[in-house]
Structures are given as structure tokens and as C-alpha cells.
Amino acid sequence: MAVAARGGDVAGTIVHSDRGSQYTAEVMKQACQRHGLRRSMGKTGICWDNAGAESLWSTLKHEYYYRHTFAYQTELVAAVDNWMNSYNTRRRHSAIGMLSPIDYEKSLTGALMAA
């Protein structure tokens, strides 16, 4: 989703994660290499270096997942995709000046382009 939203222009972007199997899998390694993404993983048992991501997953679980029931995996995948899109494009975040993550990123990119 991140690669598509940026038109494939993500080379050098850091993907920080925990050591979950989905992030350490060979397919993830290959996808990151294909798009020029740099992988970064925190140490086992240390959540502070990934506080933003931990907050995202906690918010998803408490505001959406625990409040809904899904009969099929495809329903769950579509629901998470829709929620994530809203979280990144419309939801304002106090930690980044009440902007959505996409608007915040655009403000940084715009500032770099102006410099």
C-alpha cells in the first residue's frame, strides 16, 4: 500500500518493524529489496524503538477489530485495508500537528522540494 500510494517512489525508505514472522519472512525481504526499502528491526522485547507502530496496532484493535465480527478472512482483510486507508489519509494525529500521516508526509516532502 505504501509503495502504491507513492507511485513506487520509495527507494531508501526505512521500514521499521518488530521481529514478527511476517516481517522476518523471505517474501518480505524480497519485497523490500525489489522496492529499495531499508529494513530495520527492534531488539526482542523492546517496544520503545517502535512506539508509533505499537500505537497504530493498539488503535486498530481497540477502535475497530474488537468491535466487529468477521465471517470470512476476505472480510477482515478488506476491513483492515479500509481502516488503514482512513487512518493514513483522514485521521488527524496530535503527535504530528493534527495532520493525517499522508498530509504530514506531504508537508515534509514539500519543505524539502522548496529548499
C-alpha atoms as a PDB file:
ATOM      1  CA  MET A   1       0.000   0.000   0.000  1.00  0.00           C
ATOM      2  CA  ALA A   2       2.837   2.402   0.858  1.00  0.00           C
ATOM      3  CA  VAL A   3       4.610   1.701  -2.422  1.00  0.00           C
ATOM      4  CA  ALA A   4       1.405   2.148  -4.450  1.00  0.00           C
ATOM      5  CA  ALA A   5       0.446   5.376  -2.644  1.00  0.00           C
ATOM      6  CA  ARG A   6       3.791   6.894  -3.573  1.00  0.00           C
ATOM      7  CA  GLY A   7       3.800   5.729  -7.174  1.00  0.00           C
ATOM      8  CA  GLY A   8       6.673   3.344  -6.463  1.00  0.00           C
ATOM      9  CA  ASP A   9       8.977   6.166  -5.344  1.00  0.00           C
ATOM     10  CA  VAL A  10      10.095   4.684  -2.021  1.00  0.00           C
ATOM     11  CA  ALA A  11      13.761   3.775  -2.527  1.00  0.00           C
ATOM     12  CA  GLY A  12      15.731   4.373   0.666  1.00  0.00           C
ATOM     13  CA  THR A  13      12.630   4.491   2.882  1.00  0.00           C
ATOM     14  CA  ILE A  14      13.127   2.698   6.189  1.00  0.00           C
ATOM     15  CA  VAL A  15      10.599   0.025   7.143  1.00  0.00           C
ATOM     16  CA  HIS A  16      10.832  -0.415  10.905  1.00  0.00           C
ATOM     17  CA  SER A  17       9.152  -3.425  12.487  1.00  0.00           C
ATOM     18  CA  ASP A  18       9.290  -5.842  15.329  1.00  0.00           C
ATOM     19  CA  ARG A  19      10.588  -9.371  14.840  1.00  0.00           C
ATOM     20  CA  GLY A  20       7.246 -10.895  13.894  1.00  0.00           C
ATOM     21  CA  SER A  21       7.368 -13.776  11.428  1.00  0.00           C
ATOM     22  CA  GLN A  22       5.629 -11.733   8.722  1.00  0.00           C
ATOM     23  CA  TYR A  23       8.461  -9.169   8.850  1.00  0.00           C
ATOM     24  CA  THR A  24      11.323 -11.656   9.023  1.00  0.00           C
ATOM     25  CA  ALA A  25       9.954 -13.847   6.218  1.00  0.00           C
ATOM     26  CA  GLU A  26      11.909 -14.259   2.999  1.00  0.00           C
ATOM     27  CA  VAL A  27       8.987 -12.851   0.966  1.00  0.00           C
ATOM     28  CA  MET A  28       9.189  -9.597   2.985  1.00  0.00           C
ATOM     29  CA  LYS A  29      12.930  -9.426   2.443  1.00  0.00           C
ATOM     30  CA  GLN A  30      12.437  -9.867  -1.302  1.00  0.00           C
ATOM     31  CA  ALA A  31       9.662  -7.239  -1.464  1.00  0.00           C
ATOM     32  CA  CYS A  32      11.848  -4.720   0.353  1.00  0.00           C
ATOM     33  CA  GLN A  33      14.779  -5.436  -1.964  1.00  0.00           C
ATOM     34  CA  ARG A  34      12.542  -5.128  -5.035  1.00  0.00           C
ATOM     35  CA  HIS A  35      11.373  -1.651  -3.990  1.00  0.00           C
ATOM     36  CA  GLY A  36      14.656  -0.424  -2.497  1.00  0.00           C
ATOM     37  CA  LEU A  37      13.269  -0.304   1.046  1.00  0.00           C
ATOM     38  CA  ARG A  38      15.650  -0.492   4.002  1.00  0.00           C
ATOM     39  CA  ARG A  39      14.624  -2.895   6.753  1.00  0.00           C
ATOM     40  CA  SER A  40      15.048  -2.065  10.434  1.00  0.00           C
ATOM     41  CA  MET A  41      14.017  -4.266  13.347  1.00  0.00           C
ATOM     42  CA  GLY A  42      13.960  -3.589  17.036  1.00  0.00           C
ATOM     43  CA  LYS A  43      15.542  -5.876  19.575  1.00  0.00           C
ATOM     44  CA  THR A  44      13.450  -8.673  21.023  1.00  0.00           C
ATOM     45  CA  GLY A  45      11.319  -7.484  23.943  1.00  0.00           C
ATOM     46  CA  ILE A  46      11.986  -3.778  23.356  1.00  0.00           C
ATOM     47  CA  CYS A  47       8.887  -1.856  22.250  1.00  0.00           C
ATOM     48  CA  TRP A  48      10.130   1.733  22.755  1.00  0.00           C
ATOM     49  CA  ASP A  49      12.004   1.943  19.447  1.00  0.00           C
ATOM     50  CA  ASN A  50       8.764   1.157  17.624  1.00  0.00           C
ATOM     51  CA  ALA A  51       6.258   3.105  19.739  1.00  0.00           C
ATOM     52  CA  GLY A  52       4.479   4.627  16.728  1.00  0.00           C
ATOM     53  CA  ALA A  53       3.783   1.243  15.152  1.00  0.00           C
ATOM     54  CA  GLU A  54       2.757  -0.243  18.506  1.00  0.00           C
ATOM     55  CA  SER A  55       0.290   2.640  18.928  1.00  0.00           C
ATOM     56  CA  LEU A  56      -1.141   2.041  15.440  1.00  0.00           C
ATOM     57  CA  TRP A  57      -1.846  -1.645  16.117  1.00  0.00           C
ATOM     58  CA  SER A  58      -3.325  -0.888  19.535  1.00  0.00           C
ATOM     59  CA  THR A  59      -5.632   1.719  17.998  1.00  0.00           C
ATOM     60  CA  LEU A  60      -6.736  -0.677  15.242  1.00  0.00           C
ATOM     61  CA  LYS A  61      -7.506  -3.409  17.750  1.00  0.00           C
ATOM     62  CA  HIS A  62      -9.378  -1.232  20.264  1.00  0.00           C
ATOM     63  CA  GLU A  63     -11.232   1.098  17.890  1.00  0.00           C
ATOM     64  CA  TYR A  64     -12.152  -1.409  15.215  1.00  0.00           C
ATOM     65  CA  TYR A  65     -11.177  -5.085  15.407  1.00  0.00           C
ATOM     66  CA  TYR A  66     -12.577  -5.875  18.866  1.00  0.00           C
ATOM     67  CA  ARG A  67     -15.871  -4.184  17.950  1.00  0.00           C
ATOM     68  CA  HIS A  68     -16.594  -6.233  14.813  1.00  0.00           C
ATOM     69  CA  THR A  69     -17.111  -9.853  13.875  1.00  0.00           C
ATOM     70  CA  PHE A  70     -15.865 -11.230  10.572  1.00  0.00           C
ATOM     71  CA  ALA A  71     -17.261 -14.396   8.992  1.00  0.00           C
ATOM     72  CA  TYR A  72     -14.550 -14.676   6.359  1.00  0.00           C
ATOM     73  CA  GLN A  73     -10.885 -13.801   6.137  1.00  0.00           C
ATOM     74  CA  THR A  74     -11.591 -11.744   2.999  1.00  0.00           C
ATOM     75  CA  GLU A  75     -13.970  -9.562   5.033  1.00  0.00           C
ATOM     76  CA  LEU A  76     -11.289  -8.981   7.647  1.00  0.00           C
ATOM     77  CA  VAL A  77      -8.640  -8.141   5.047  1.00  0.00           C
ATOM     78  CA  ALA A  78     -10.954  -5.655   3.292  1.00  0.00           C
ATOM     79  CA  ALA A  79     -11.990  -4.095   6.616  1.00  0.00           C
ATOM     80  CA  VAL A  80      -8.391  -3.621   7.783  1.00  0.00           C
ATOM     81  CA  ASP A  81      -7.451  -2.207   4.381  1.00  0.00           C
ATOM     82  CA  ASN A  82     -10.304   0.330   4.579  1.00  0.00           C
ATOM     83  CA  TRP A  83      -9.500   1.241   8.180  1.00  0.00           C
ATOM     84  CA  MET A  84      -5.796   1.658   7.397  1.00  0.00           C
ATOM     85  CA  ASN A  85      -6.603   3.871   4.416  1.00  0.00           C
ATOM     86  CA  SER A  86      -8.772   6.091   6.622  1.00  0.00           C
ATOM     87  CA  TYR A  87      -6.131   6.135   9.387  1.00  0.00           C
ATOM     88  CA  ASN A  88      -3.451   7.298   6.955  1.00  0.00           C
ATOM     89  CA  THR A  89      -5.463   9.729   4.846  1.00  0.00           C
ATOM     90  CA  ARG A  90      -8.172  11.257   7.052  1.00  0.00           C
ATOM     91  CA  ARG A  91      -7.480  10.698  10.730  1.00  0.00           C
ATOM     92  CA  ARG A  92      -5.684  13.603  12.383  1.00  0.00           C
ATOM     93  CA  HIS A  93      -2.866  12.812  14.828  1.00  0.00           C
ATOM     94  CA  SER A  94      -1.870  15.048  17.722  1.00  0.00           C
ATOM     95  CA  ALA A  95       1.774  13.907  17.561  1.00  0.00           C
ATOM     96  CA  ILE A  96       2.155  15.412  14.068  1.00  0.00           C
ATOM     97  CA  GLY A  97       0.337  18.719  14.444  1.00  0.00           C
ATOM     98  CA  MET A  98      -3.210  17.422  13.923  1.00  0.00           C
ATOM     99  CA  LEU A  99      -2.439  16.328  10.366  1.00  0.00           C
ATOM    100  CA  SER A 100      -3.104  12.958   8.797  1.00  0.00           C
ATOM    101  CA  PRO A 101       0.046  10.886   8.198  1.00  0.00           C
ATOM    102  CA  ILE A 102      -0.248  11.458   4.430  1.00  0.00           C
ATOM    103  CA  ASP A 103      -0.628  15.228   4.846  1.00  0.00           C
ATOM    104  CA  TYR A 104       2.299  15.285   7.274  1.00  0.00           C
ATOM    105  CA  GLU A 105       4.475  13.383   4.822  1.00  0.00           C
ATOM    106  CA  LYS A 106       3.456  15.750   2.028  1.00  0.00           C
ATOM    107  CA  SER A 107       4.373  18.738   4.209  1.00  0.00           C
ATOM    108  CA  LEU A 108       7.855  17.276   4.739  1.00  0.00           C
ATOM    109  CA  THR A 109       8.273  16.477   1.057  1.00  0.00           C
ATOM    110  CA  GLY A 110       7.075  19.957   0.108  1.00  0.00           C
ATOM    111  CA  ALA A 111       9.557  21.564   2.505  1.00  0.00           C
ATOM    112  CA  LEU A 112      12.393  19.504   1.022  1.00  0.00           C
ATOM    113  CA  MET A 113      11.390  20.418  -2.524  1.00  0.00           C
ATOM    114  CA  ALA A 114      11.266  24.128  -1.637  1.00  0.00           C
ATOM    115  CA  ALA A 115      14.767  24.025  -0.119  1.00  0.00           C
END
